[in-house]
Amino acid sequence: MITISTIEGHFFFRPEDIVRLEACDNYTRVFLANQKKILASKVLKEFAQKLEPMGFLRTHRSHLVNTRYITHIDPCGTITMADTSTAEISRSKRREVIAAMRTSI
């Protein structure tokens, strides 16, 4: 379980229920498999430290994605997730992301 703290209290989720996370200034928007979104009061870096060993991949300074939910990567470096949301791949992370996805198949 992972604890997500918000102004509304503490929420508890299994990592596999998280589709992706996106940095929003000093907060992080968490996109869940049930289509809900939560604004967490932690920076993305803190989530990355906990979630990267669990199959999450930092694709950009603003994006951390659950590789289980990636459905498409277009030639321009945009990732489409199973919930139809999108995340960017930075130029510096492109090879790392493609390699990680090829090894997970």
N, C-alpha and C. Protein backbone atom coordinates (compact mmCIF):
# COMPACT_ATOMS: atom_id res chain seq x y z
N MET A 1 0.83 -1.19 0.00
CA MET A 1 0.00 0.00 0.00
C MET A 1 0.88 1.25 0.00
N ILE A 2 0.35 2.27 -0.62
CA ILE A 2 1.02 3.57 -0.62
C ILE A 2 0.05 4.59 -0.05
N THR A 3 0.56 5.46 0.78
CA THR A 3 -0.27 6.50 1.40
C THR A 3 -0.14 7.77 0.59
N ILE A 4 -1.29 8.36 0.25
CA ILE A 4 -1.30 9.63 -0.47
C ILE A 4 -1.99 10.64 0.43
N SER A 5 -1.22 11.66 0.84
CA SER A 5 -1.75 12.70 1.72
C SER A 5 -2.27 13.86 0.89
N THR A 6 -3.47 14.31 1.24
CA THR A 6 -4.09 15.44 0.57
C THR A 6 -4.66 16.38 1.63
N ILE A 7 -5.24 17.49 1.19
CA ILE A 7 -5.88 18.40 2.15
C ILE A 7 -7.14 17.75 2.73
N GLU A 8 -7.64 16.72 2.08
CA GLU A 8 -8.84 16.03 2.55
C GLU A 8 -8.52 14.87 3.50
N GLY A 9 -7.26 14.56 3.69
CA GLY A 9 -6.86 13.47 4.57
C GLY A 9 -5.89 12.53 3.88
N HIS A 10 -5.79 11.32 4.39
CA HIS A 10 -4.87 10.31 3.87
C HIS A 10 -5.65 9.23 3.13
N PHE A 11 -5.18 8.89 1.94
CA PHE A 11 -5.79 7.84 1.13
C PHE A 11 -4.76 6.73 0.96
N PHE A 12 -5.24 5.50 0.85
CA PHE A 12 -4.36 4.35 0.74
C PHE A 12 -4.70 3.59 -0.53
N PHE A 13 -3.67 3.35 -1.36
CA PHE A 13 -3.87 2.67 -2.63
C PHE A 13 -2.79 1.62 -2.84
N ARG A 14 -3.15 0.63 -3.61
CA ARG A 14 -2.14 -0.32 -4.08
C ARG A 14 -1.45 0.34 -5.27
N PRO A 15 -0.14 0.17 -5.41
CA PRO A 15 0.56 0.79 -6.54
C PRO A 15 -0.04 0.42 -7.90
N GLU A 16 -0.55 -0.80 -8.04
CA GLU A 16 -1.13 -1.22 -9.32
C GLU A 16 -2.42 -0.49 -9.66
N ASP A 17 -3.00 0.25 -8.71
CA ASP A 17 -4.20 1.05 -8.97
C ASP A 17 -3.88 2.45 -9.47
N ILE A 18 -2.60 2.78 -9.51
CA ILE A 18 -2.16 4.10 -9.97
C ILE A 18 -1.71 3.98 -11.42
N VAL A 19 -2.31 4.78 -12.30
CA VAL A 19 -1.96 4.77 -13.72
C VAL A 19 -0.73 5.64 -13.97
N ARG A 20 -0.76 6.86 -13.47
CA ARG A 20 0.38 7.75 -13.65
C ARG A 20 0.31 8.89 -12.66
N LEU A 21 1.41 9.63 -12.56
CA LEU A 21 1.49 10.79 -11.68
C LEU A 21 2.09 11.94 -12.48
N GLU A 22 1.62 13.13 -12.18
CA GLU A 22 2.08 14.31 -12.91
C GLU A 22 2.39 15.44 -11.93
N ALA A 23 3.55 16.05 -12.08
CA ALA A 23 3.95 17.16 -11.21
C ALA A 23 3.08 18.38 -11.49
N CYS A 24 2.68 19.04 -10.41
CA CYS A 24 1.91 20.29 -10.46
C CYS A 24 2.50 21.22 -9.40
N ASP A 25 3.50 21.99 -9.78
CA ASP A 25 4.23 22.84 -8.84
C ASP A 25 4.75 21.99 -7.68
N ASN A 26 4.37 22.30 -6.45
CA ASN A 26 4.84 21.54 -5.29
C ASN A 26 3.87 20.44 -4.89
N TYR A 27 2.99 20.08 -5.79
CA TYR A 27 2.02 19.01 -5.58
C TYR A 27 2.18 17.97 -6.68
N THR A 28 1.44 16.88 -6.55
CA THR A 28 1.45 15.84 -7.58
C THR A 28 0.02 15.41 -7.85
N ARG A 29 -0.38 15.42 -9.11
CA ARG A 29 -1.69 14.92 -9.50
C ARG A 29 -1.55 13.42 -9.76
N VAL A 30 -2.37 12.63 -9.07
CA VAL A 30 -2.33 11.17 -9.18
C VAL A 30 -3.54 10.71 -9.97
N PHE A 31 -3.31 9.99 -11.07
CA PHE A 31 -4.37 9.46 -11.92
C PHE A 31 -4.57 7.99 -11.57
N LEU A 32 -5.77 7.64 -11.17
CA LEU A 32 -6.07 6.29 -10.71
C LEU A 32 -6.79 5.47 -11.78
N ALA A 33 -6.72 4.17 -11.68
CA ALA A 33 -7.33 3.27 -12.65
C ALA A 33 -8.85 3.42 -12.69
N ASN A 34 -9.46 3.87 -11.61
CA ASN A 34 -10.91 4.05 -11.59
C ASN A 34 -11.34 5.41 -12.14
N GLN A 35 -10.43 6.09 -12.83
CA GLN A 35 -10.65 7.39 -13.48
C GLN A 35 -10.66 8.57 -12.52
N LYS A 36 -10.45 8.35 -11.23
CA LYS A 36 -10.38 9.46 -10.28
C LYS A 36 -9.00 10.09 -10.32
N LYS A 37 -8.95 11.37 -9.92
CA LYS A 37 -7.69 12.09 -9.81
C LYS A 37 -7.61 12.67 -8.41
N ILE A 38 -6.41 12.63 -7.85
CA ILE A 38 -6.18 13.15 -6.51
C ILE A 38 -5.00 14.10 -6.57
N LEU A 39 -5.10 15.22 -5.87
CA LEU A 39 -3.98 16.15 -5.77
C LEU A 39 -3.27 15.90 -4.45
N ALA A 40 -2.07 15.36 -4.54
CA ALA A 40 -1.29 14.98 -3.36
C ALA A 40 -0.37 16.12 -2.94
N SER A 41 -0.12 16.20 -1.65
CA SER A 41 0.71 17.27 -1.12
C SER A 41 2.18 16.87 -0.98
N LYS A 42 2.67 16.09 -1.94
CA LYS A 42 4.09 15.73 -2.03
C LYS A 42 4.57 16.03 -3.45
N VAL A 43 5.86 16.24 -3.59
CA VAL A 43 6.43 16.46 -4.92
C VAL A 43 6.62 15.11 -5.61
N LEU A 44 6.69 15.14 -6.92
CA LEU A 44 6.81 13.92 -7.72
C LEU A 44 8.05 13.10 -7.35
N LYS A 45 9.13 13.76 -7.01
CA LYS A 45 10.38 13.06 -6.66
C LYS A 45 10.17 12.08 -5.51
N GLU A 46 9.36 12.45 -4.53
CA GLU A 46 9.11 11.57 -3.38
C GLU A 46 8.35 10.31 -3.81
N PHE A 47 7.40 10.47 -4.72
CA PHE A 47 6.67 9.32 -5.24
C PHE A 47 7.59 8.44 -6.08
N ALA A 48 8.45 9.06 -6.88
CA ALA A 48 9.35 8.30 -7.74
C ALA A 48 10.26 7.39 -6.92
N GLN A 49 10.76 7.87 -5.81
CA GLN A 49 11.65 7.06 -4.97
C GLN A 49 10.94 5.80 -4.48
N LYS A 50 9.66 5.90 -4.18
CA LYS A 50 8.91 4.74 -3.68
C LYS A 50 8.41 3.84 -4.80
N LEU A 51 8.01 4.43 -5.92
CA LEU A 51 7.30 3.67 -6.95
C LEU A 51 8.17 3.11 -8.07
N GLU A 52 9.32 3.69 -8.34
CA GLU A 52 10.16 3.17 -9.43
C GLU A 52 10.52 1.70 -9.24
N PRO A 53 10.82 1.23 -8.03
CA PRO A 53 11.10 -0.21 -7.88
C PRO A 53 9.88 -1.10 -8.11
N MET A 54 8.70 -0.48 -8.21
CA MET A 54 7.45 -1.23 -8.38
C MET A 54 6.91 -1.18 -9.81
N GLY A 55 7.75 -0.86 -10.77
CA GLY A 55 7.33 -0.85 -12.17
C GLY A 55 6.93 0.50 -12.72
N PHE A 56 7.22 1.56 -12.00
CA PHE A 56 6.93 2.90 -12.50
C PHE A 56 8.18 3.46 -13.15
N LEU A 57 7.99 4.33 -14.13
CA LEU A 57 9.10 4.85 -14.92
C LEU A 57 8.98 6.36 -15.02
N ARG A 58 10.07 7.05 -14.71
CA ARG A 58 10.10 8.51 -14.85
C ARG A 58 10.40 8.80 -16.32
N THR A 59 9.43 9.37 -17.02
CA THR A 59 9.58 9.62 -18.45
C THR A 59 9.94 11.07 -18.77
N HIS A 60 9.80 11.91 -17.78
CA HIS A 60 9.98 13.35 -17.96
C HIS A 60 10.08 13.94 -16.56
N ARG A 61 10.59 15.13 -16.42
CA ARG A 61 10.67 15.72 -15.08
C ARG A 61 9.30 15.90 -14.45
N SER A 62 8.25 15.90 -15.28
CA SER A 62 6.89 16.10 -14.79
C SER A 62 6.03 14.84 -14.79
N HIS A 63 6.56 13.72 -15.24
CA HIS A 63 5.73 12.52 -15.39
C HIS A 63 6.39 11.26 -14.83
N LEU A 64 5.57 10.48 -14.13
CA LEU A 64 5.95 9.16 -13.63
C LEU A 64 4.80 8.23 -14.00
N VAL A 65 5.08 7.20 -14.79
CA VAL A 65 4.00 6.34 -15.30
C VAL A 65 4.16 4.90 -14.83
N ASN A 66 3.04 4.25 -14.69
CA ASN A 66 3.01 2.83 -14.38
C ASN A 66 3.11 2.09 -15.71
N THR A 67 4.18 1.36 -15.93
CA THR A 67 4.40 0.73 -17.24
C THR A 67 3.31 -0.27 -17.60
N ARG A 68 2.60 -0.80 -16.61
CA ARG A 68 1.50 -1.74 -16.90
C ARG A 68 0.37 -1.10 -17.70
N TYR A 69 0.25 0.22 -17.61
CA TYR A 69 -0.87 0.92 -18.25
C TYR A 69 -0.49 1.61 -19.55
N ILE A 70 0.75 1.51 -19.99
CA ILE A 70 1.14 2.13 -21.27
C ILE A 70 0.55 1.32 -22.41
N THR A 71 -0.19 2.00 -23.29
CA THR A 71 -0.77 1.32 -24.45
C THR A 71 -0.12 1.73 -25.77
N HIS A 72 0.52 2.92 -25.80
CA HIS A 72 1.07 3.40 -27.07
C HIS A 72 2.12 4.47 -26.81
N ILE A 73 3.18 4.44 -27.60
CA ILE A 73 4.16 5.52 -27.62
C ILE A 73 4.28 5.99 -29.05
N ASP A 74 3.95 7.25 -29.30
CA ASP A 74 4.00 7.74 -30.68
C ASP A 74 5.40 8.24 -31.03
N PRO A 75 5.69 8.47 -32.31
CA PRO A 75 7.03 8.89 -32.73
C PRO A 75 7.47 10.24 -32.15
N CYS A 76 6.52 11.06 -31.73
CA CYS A 76 6.86 12.37 -31.17
C CYS A 76 7.21 12.30 -29.69
N GLY A 77 7.04 11.12 -29.07
CA GLY A 77 7.39 10.97 -27.66
C GLY A 77 6.25 11.18 -26.70
N THR A 78 5.03 10.95 -27.16
CA THR A 78 3.88 11.03 -26.28
C THR A 78 3.40 9.63 -25.95
N ILE A 79 3.20 9.39 -24.67
CA ILE A 79 2.73 8.09 -24.19
C ILE A 79 1.23 8.18 -23.98
N THR A 80 0.50 7.19 -24.47
CA THR A 80 -0.92 7.09 -24.19
C THR A 80 -1.12 5.96 -23.19
N MET A 81 -1.88 6.26 -22.16
CA MET A 81 -2.12 5.30 -21.10
C MET A 81 -3.48 4.61 -21.32
N ALA A 82 -3.72 3.54 -20.60
CA ALA A 82 -4.96 2.77 -20.73
C ALA A 82 -6.20 3.61 -20.42
N ASP A 83 -6.06 4.63 -19.59
CA ASP A 83 -7.20 5.50 -19.27
C ASP A 83 -7.34 6.65 -20.27
N THR A 84 -6.61 6.61 -21.36
CA THR A 84 -6.53 7.60 -22.45
C THR A 84 -5.81 8.89 -22.07
N SER A 85 -5.30 9.00 -20.85
CA SER A 85 -4.49 10.17 -20.51
C SER A 85 -3.14 10.04 -21.20
N THR A 86 -2.41 11.14 -21.28
CA THR A 86 -1.12 11.13 -21.96
C THR A 86 -0.02 11.69 -21.06
N ALA A 87 1.19 11.30 -21.37
CA ALA A 87 2.38 11.79 -20.67
C ALA A 87 3.48 11.98 -21.71
N GLU A 88 4.38 12.88 -21.44
CA GLU A 88 5.48 13.15 -22.36
C GLU A 88 6.70 12.32 -22.01
N ILE A 89 7.52 12.08 -23.03
CA ILE A 89 8.85 11.51 -22.82
C ILE A 89 9.84 12.61 -23.20
N SER A 90 10.73 12.94 -22.30
CA SER A 90 11.75 13.94 -22.63
C SER A 90 12.77 13.32 -23.58
N ARG A 91 13.45 14.15 -24.33
CA ARG A 91 14.45 13.64 -25.27
C ARG A 91 15.54 12.85 -24.56
N SER A 92 15.91 13.31 -23.37
CA SER A 92 16.98 12.63 -22.64
C SER A 92 16.54 11.27 -22.08
N LYS A 93 15.25 11.04 -21.94
CA LYS A 93 14.74 9.78 -21.38
C LYS A 93 14.22 8.82 -22.45
N ARG A 94 14.14 9.26 -23.69
CA ARG A 94 13.52 8.47 -24.76
C ARG A 94 14.10 7.06 -24.89
N ARG A 95 15.42 6.94 -24.99
CA ARG A 95 16.04 5.62 -25.15
C ARG A 95 15.78 4.74 -23.94
N GLU A 96 15.89 5.31 -22.76
CA GLU A 96 15.65 4.56 -21.51
C GLU A 96 14.21 4.02 -21.46
N VAL A 97 13.25 4.84 -21.84
CA VAL A 97 11.84 4.43 -21.82
C VAL A 97 11.59 3.32 -22.83
N ILE A 98 12.07 3.50 -24.06
CA ILE A 98 11.88 2.47 -25.10
C ILE A 98 12.54 1.16 -24.68
N ALA A 99 13.75 1.24 -24.13
CA ALA A 99 14.45 0.03 -23.69
C ALA A 99 13.68 -0.66 -22.56
N ALA A 100 13.18 0.10 -21.62
CA ALA A 100 12.43 -0.47 -20.51
C ALA A 100 11.16 -1.16 -20.99
N MET A 101 10.50 -0.57 -21.97
CA MET A 101 9.27 -1.18 -22.48
C MET A 101 9.58 -2.44 -23.28
N ARG A 102 10.67 -2.44 -24.01
CA ARG A 102 11.04 -3.65 -24.78
C ARG A 102 11.38 -4.81 -23.86
N THR A 103 12.00 -4.54 -22.73
CA THR A 103 12.38 -5.61 -21.82
C THR A 103 11.18 -6.11 -21.01
N SER A 104 10.13 -5.30 -20.92
CA SER A 104 8.97 -5.72 -20.12
C SER A 104 7.99 -6.56 -20.92
N ILE A 105 8.20 -6.69 -22.22
CA ILE A 105 7.28 -7.47 -23.06
C ILE A 105 7.50 -8.95 -22.86
